[in-house]
Amino acid sequence: MKKILALLLAVVFVGSLSFAAEKAAKLPKKTLSGDIIDNICAVAHQADLAEFVKTHAKECALMPDCVKSGYSLYTDGNLLAFDDASNAKIAKFLQKKKSTLQVKVKVKVGDKLNLLSIGNKKVEKKKEKK
């Protein structure tokens, strides 16, 4: 009887994992541009976030407590949080010498963003009128 119950529980557990994986695979994918901000600074500056992200330093986002707090993307006036696995990828990206907080990301969109890829946002140069 115990073996049957254990087997039944195992089947239910594996089934729930495959359901979660299937659900994650169906999440919509998007490409977004914006500013990476650590969650400590996002909370501390929520009243003036649009202005704060313009001066937020990468060195701040890499401070140990800021890394532990996780990251969000500030885009089009919205603050979108990343999941735990994505936070680790973002911290690794920010450690690169030429990385910036202004990024273009590919994500799966769910309750939290799931990072698929990240790169510096390309700044378009304005053409001067002659």
Foldseek 3Di string as FASTA:
>chain_A
DVVVVVVVVVVVVVVVVVVVVVVLVPFDKDKFWAFKFQPVVCVVCVVPVVVVSVPDALVVCQPVVSLVRFIWGCGPNDTAGADPVVSVVVNVQSPDPPAHRTKIFMFGDDSGTYTPDIGHDDDDDDDDDD
